[in-house]
PDB file of N, CA and C in Angstrom:
ATOM      1  N   MET A   1      97.797 112.444  86.767  1.00  0.00           N
ATOM      2  CA  MET A   1      97.003 112.306  88.093  1.00  0.00           C
ATOM      3  C   MET A   1      97.220 110.773  88.780  1.00  0.00           C
ATOM      4  N   LYS A   2      97.660 111.019  89.931  1.00  0.00           N
ATOM      5  CA  LYS A   2      97.972 109.799  90.584  1.00  0.00           C
ATOM      6  C   LYS A   2      96.594 109.036  90.705  1.00  0.00           C
ATOM      7  N   GLU A   3      96.713 107.635  90.728  1.00  0.00           N
ATOM      8  CA  GLU A   3      95.647 106.643  91.123  1.00  0.00           C
ATOM      9  C   GLU A   3      95.288 106.653  92.767  1.00  0.00           C
ATOM     10  N   LYS A   4      94.157 106.833  93.140  1.00  0.00           N
ATOM     11  CA  LYS A   4      93.961 106.814  94.657  1.00  0.00           C
ATOM     12  C   LYS A   4      93.963 105.251  95.108  1.00  0.00           C
ATOM     13  N   ALA A   5      94.374 105.066  96.353  1.00  0.00           N
ATOM     14  CA  ALA A   5      94.521 103.700  96.939  1.00  0.00           C
ATOM     15  C   ALA A   5      93.832 103.717  98.001  1.00  0.00           C
ATOM     16  N   TYR A   6      93.201 102.624  98.510  1.00  0.00           N
ATOM     17  CA  TYR A   6      92.260 102.562  99.803  1.00  0.00           C
ATOM     18  C   TYR A   6      92.814 101.421 100.511  1.00  0.00           C
ATOM     19  N   CYS A   7      92.422 101.692 101.664  1.00  0.00           N
ATOM     20  CA  CYS A   7      92.703 100.534 102.672  1.00  0.00           C
ATOM     21  C   CYS A   7      91.663  99.338 102.529  1.00  0.00           C
ATOM     22  N   PRO A   8      92.255  98.236 102.606  1.00  0.00           N
ATOM     23  CA  PRO A   8      91.082  96.923 102.581  1.00  0.00           C
ATOM     24  C   PRO A   8      90.282  96.825 103.682  1.00  0.00           C
ATOM     25  N   THR A   9      90.692  97.405 104.882  1.00  0.00           N
ATOM     26  CA  THR A   9      90.110  97.170 106.233  1.00  0.00           C
ATOM     27  C   THR A   9      89.092  98.026 106.252  1.00  0.00           C
ATOM     28  N   CYS A  10      89.436  99.503 106.344  1.00  0.00           N
ATOM     29  CA  CYS A  10      88.519 100.401 106.728  1.00  0.00           C
ATOM     30  C   CYS A  10      87.896 101.305 105.489  1.00  0.00           C
ATOM     31  N   LYS A  11      88.316 101.179 104.381  1.00  0.00           N
ATOM     32  CA  LYS A  11      88.054 101.569 103.047  1.00  0.00           C
ATOM     33  C   LYS A  11      88.350 103.091 102.929  1.00  0.00           C
ATOM     34  N   LYS A  12      89.282 103.685 103.899  1.00  0.00           N
ATOM     35  CA  LYS A  12      89.802 104.969 103.802  1.00  0.00           C
ATOM     36  C   LYS A  12      90.920 105.026 103.023  1.00  0.00           C
ATOM     37  N   GLU A  13      91.090 106.299 102.477  1.00  0.00           N
ATOM     38  CA  GLU A  13      92.156 106.531 101.427  1.00  0.00           C
ATOM     39  C   GLU A  13      93.663 106.298 102.113  1.00  0.00           C
ATOM     40  N   LEU A  14      94.493 105.773 101.572  1.00  0.00           N
ATOM     41  CA  LEU A  14      95.950 105.584 101.850  1.00  0.00           C
ATOM     42  C   LEU A  14      96.504 106.638 101.628  1.00  0.00           C
ATOM     43  N   GLU A  15      97.799 106.783 102.358  1.00  0.00           N
ATOM     44  CA  GLU A  15      98.848 107.767 102.075  1.00  0.00           C
ATOM     45  C   GLU A  15      99.959 106.969 101.559  1.00  0.00           C
ATOM     46  N   LEU A  16     100.459 107.454 100.213  1.00  0.00           N
ATOM     47  CA  LEU A  16     101.564 106.708  99.309  1.00  0.00           C
ATOM     48  C   LEU A  16     102.876 107.489 100.249  1.00  0.00           C
ATOM     49  N   ILE A  17     103.894 106.353 100.639  1.00  0.00           N
ATOM     50  CA  ILE A  17     105.162 106.563 101.060  1.00  0.00           C
ATOM     51  C   ILE A  17     106.143 106.067 100.073  1.00  0.00           C
ATOM     52  N   ALA A  18     106.887 107.059  99.282  1.00  0.00           N
ATOM     53  CA  ALA A  18     107.782 106.695  98.138  1.00  0.00           C
ATOM     54  C   ALA A  18     109.198 106.950  98.808  1.00  0.00           C
ATOM     55  N   ALA A  19     110.190 105.943  98.640  1.00  0.00           N
ATOM     56  CA  ALA A  19     111.509 106.265  99.006  1.00  0.00           C
ATOM     57  C   ALA A  19     112.521 105.198  98.163  1.00  0.00           C
ATOM     58  N   CYS A  20     113.386 105.873  97.686  1.00  0.00           N
ATOM     59  CA  CYS A  20     114.289 104.856  96.804  1.00  0.00           C
ATOM     60  C   CYS A  20     113.649 103.870  95.774  1.00  0.00           C
ATOM     61  N   GLY A  21     113.083 104.239  95.335  1.00  0.00           N
ATOM     62  CA  GLY A  21     112.338 103.405  94.179  1.00  0.00           C
ATOM     63  C   GLY A  21     111.164 102.498  94.844  1.00  0.00           C
ATOM     64  N   ALA A  22     110.792 102.357  96.133  1.00  0.00           N
ATOM     65  CA  ALA A  22     110.025 101.635  96.628  1.00  0.00           C
ATOM     66  C   ALA A  22     108.950 102.300  97.011  1.00  0.00           C
ATOM     67  N   ALA A  23     107.947 101.710  97.077  1.00  0.00           N
ATOM     68  CA  ALA A  23     106.269 102.598  97.350  1.00  0.00           C
ATOM     69  C   ALA A  23     105.685 101.687  98.228  1.00  0.00           C
ATOM     70  N   ASN A  24     105.138 102.268  99.434  1.00  0.00           N
ATOM     71  CA  ASN A  24     104.379 101.795 100.606  1.00  0.00           C
ATOM     72  C   ASN A  24     103.573 102.592 100.935  1.00  0.00           C
ATOM     73  N   TYR A  25     102.487 101.969 101.523  1.00  0.00           N
ATOM     74  CA  TYR A  25     101.161 102.668 101.771  1.00  0.00           C
ATOM     75  C   TYR A  25     100.837 102.585 103.314  1.00  0.00           C
ATOM     76  N   PHE A  26     100.136 103.660 103.821  1.00  0.00           N
ATOM     77  CA  PHE A  26     100.027 103.796 104.980  1.00  0.00           C
ATOM     78  C   PHE A  26      98.898 104.063 105.477  1.00  0.00           C
ATOM     79  N   CYS A  27      97.855 103.496 106.287  1.00  0.00           N
ATOM     80  CA  CYS A  27      96.688 103.927 106.756  1.00  0.00           C
ATOM     81  C   CYS A  27      96.633 104.609 107.940  1.00  0.00           C
ATOM     82  N   ASN A  28      96.394 106.205 107.721  1.00  0.00           N
ATOM     83  CA  ASN A  28      96.228 106.813 109.050  1.00  0.00           C
ATOM     84  C   ASN A  28      95.231 106.306 109.915  1.00  0.00           C
ATOM     85  N   TYR A  29      94.048 105.755 109.183  1.00  0.00           N
ATOM     86  CA  TYR A  29      92.945 105.474 110.344  1.00  0.00           C
ATOM     87  C   TYR A  29      93.120 104.289 111.318  1.00  0.00           C
ATOM     88  N   CYS A  30      93.788 103.208 110.626  1.00  0.00           N
ATOM     89  CA  CYS A  30      94.240 102.016 111.079  1.00  0.00           C
ATOM     90  C   CYS A  30      95.565 101.924 111.868  1.00  0.00           C
ATOM     91  N   LYS A  31      96.339 103.010 111.352  1.00  0.00           N
ATOM     92  CA  LYS A  31      97.618 103.070 111.878  1.00  0.00           C
ATOM     93  C   LYS A  31      98.545 101.848 111.477  1.00  0.00           C
ATOM     94  N   LYS A  32      98.629 101.723 110.301  1.00  0.00           N
ATOM     95  CA  LYS A  32      99.292 100.331 109.881  1.00  0.00           C
ATOM     96  C   LYS A  32      99.685 100.520 108.404  1.00  0.00           C
ATOM     97  N   LEU A  33     100.793  99.897 108.124  1.00  0.00           N
ATOM     98  CA  LEU A  33     101.244  99.782 106.634  1.00  0.00           C
ATOM     99  C   LEU A  33     100.518  98.777 105.996  1.00  0.00           C
ATOM    100  N   VAL A  34     100.170  98.938 104.703  1.00  0.00           N
ATOM    101  CA  VAL A  34      99.341  98.203 103.755  1.00  0.00           C
ATOM    102  C   VAL A  34     100.368  97.768 102.781  1.00  0.00           C
ATOM    103  N   SER A  35     100.294  96.524 102.326  1.00  0.00           N
ATOM    104  CA  SER A  35     100.925  95.937 101.360  1.00  0.00           C
ATOM    105  C   SER A  35     100.323  96.457  99.926  1.00  0.00           C
ATOM    106  N   SER A  36     101.089  96.698  99.040  1.00  0.00           N
ATOM    107  CA  SER A  36     100.707  97.105  97.770  1.00  0.00           C
ATOM    108  C   SER A  36      99.983  96.148  96.913  1.00  0.00           C
ATOM    109  N   LYS A  37      99.976  94.753  97.358  1.00  0.00           N
ATOM    110  CA  LYS A  37      99.334  93.601  96.678  1.00  0.00           C
ATOM    111  C   LYS A  37      98.001  93.902  97.434  1.00  0.00           C
ATOM    112  N   SER A  38      97.550  94.383  98.571  1.00  0.00           N
ATOM    113  CA  SER A  38      96.280  94.081  99.160  1.00  0.00           C
ATOM    114  C   SER A  38      95.431  95.457  98.945  1.00  0.00           C
ATOM    115  N   ILE A  39      95.962  96.627  98.314  1.00  0.00           N
ATOM    116  CA  ILE A  39      95.344  97.717  98.545  1.00  0.00           C
ATOM    117  C   ILE A  39      94.059  97.539  97.412  1.00  0.00           C
ATOM    118  N   LEU A  40      93.019  98.608  97.481  1.00  0.00           N
ATOM    119  CA  LEU A  40      92.082  98.618  96.851  1.00  0.00           C
ATOM    120  C   LEU A  40      91.967  99.915  95.849  1.00  0.00           C
ATOM    121  N   LYS A  41      91.486  99.705  94.718  1.00  0.00           N
ATOM    122  CA  LYS A  41      91.597 100.927  93.640  1.00  0.00           C
ATOM    123  C   LYS A  41      90.066 101.681  93.863  1.00  0.00           C
ATOM    124  N   GLU A  42      90.081 102.863  93.217  1.00  0.00           N
ATOM    125  CA  GLU A  42      89.058 103.604  93.328  1.00  0.00           C
ATOM    126  C   GLU A  42      87.679 102.774  92.824  1.00  0.00           C
ATOM    127  N   GLU A  43      87.908 102.274  91.738  1.00  0.00           N
ATOM    128  CA  GLU A  43      86.907 101.504  91.033  1.00  0.00           C
ATOM    129  C   GLU A  43      86.468 100.384  91.860  1.00  0.00           C
ATOM    130  N   GLU A  44      87.252  99.537  92.490  1.00  0.00           N
ATOM    131  CA  GLU A  44      86.920  98.702  93.511  1.00  0.00           C
ATOM    132  C   GLU A  44      85.864  99.233  94.564  1.00  0.00           C
ATOM    133  N   ILE A  45      86.241 100.093  95.054  1.00  0.00           N
ATOM    134  CA  ILE A  45      85.588 100.903  96.082  1.00  0.00           C
ATOM    135  C   ILE A  45      84.182 101.279  95.794  1.00  0.00           C
ATOM    136  N   GLN A  46      84.108 101.483  94.488  1.00  0.00           N
ATOM    137  CA  GLN A  46      82.558 102.056  93.811  1.00  0.00           C
ATOM    138  C   GLN A  46      81.822 100.784  93.697  1.00  0.00           C
ATOM    139  N   GLU A  47      82.675  99.593  93.250  1.00  0.00           N
ATOM    140  CA  GLU A  47      81.759  98.509  92.967  1.00  0.00           C
ATOM    141  C   GLU A  47      81.427  97.750  94.336  1.00  0.00           C
ATOM    142  N   GLU A  48      81.864  97.929  95.353  1.00  0.00           N
ATOM    143  CA  GLU A  48      81.411  97.395  96.898  1.00  0.00           C
ATOM    144  C   GLU A  48      80.305  98.167  97.248  1.00  0.00           C
ATOM    145  N   SER A  49      80.247  99.718  97.114  1.00  0.00           N
ATOM    146  CA  SER A  49      79.089 100.321  97.849  1.00  0.00           C
ATOM    147  C   SER A  49      77.950 100.466  96.737  1.00  0.00           C
ATOM    148  N   PRO A  50      76.794 100.174  97.362  1.00  0.00           N
ATOM    149  CA  PRO A  50      75.491 100.021  96.538  1.00  0.00           C
ATOM    150  C   PRO A  50      75.453 101.460  96.114  1.00  0.00           C
ATOM    151  N   LYS A  51      74.848 101.547  94.867  1.00  0.00           N
ATOM    152  CA  LYS A  51      74.617 102.919  94.082  1.00  0.00           C
ATOM    153  C   LYS A  51      73.152 103.251  94.441  1.00  0.00           C
ATOM    154  N   GLU A  52      73.175 104.559  94.986  1.00  0.00           N
ATOM    155  CA  GLU A  52      71.750 105.016  95.382  1.00  0.00           C
ATOM    156  C   GLU A  52      71.065 105.481  94.431  1.00  0.00           C
ATOM    157  N   GLN A  53      69.861 105.033  94.242  1.00  0.00           N
ATOM    158  CA  GLN A  53      68.790 105.768  93.098  1.00  0.00           C
ATOM    159  C   GLN A  53      67.744 106.672  93.679  1.00  0.00           C
TER     160      GLN A  53
END
């Protein structure tokens, strides 16, 4: 199972674009490429959002 990546700006899921061994991420909401160094992982998104009780 692939790990999901999220945009650091809008927190929406990113689209993975892989070609010739390189991986790039694109945000369909911000309409921009996102560096693999700046993406957010699923656990980072969950830590940022407060848990409802």
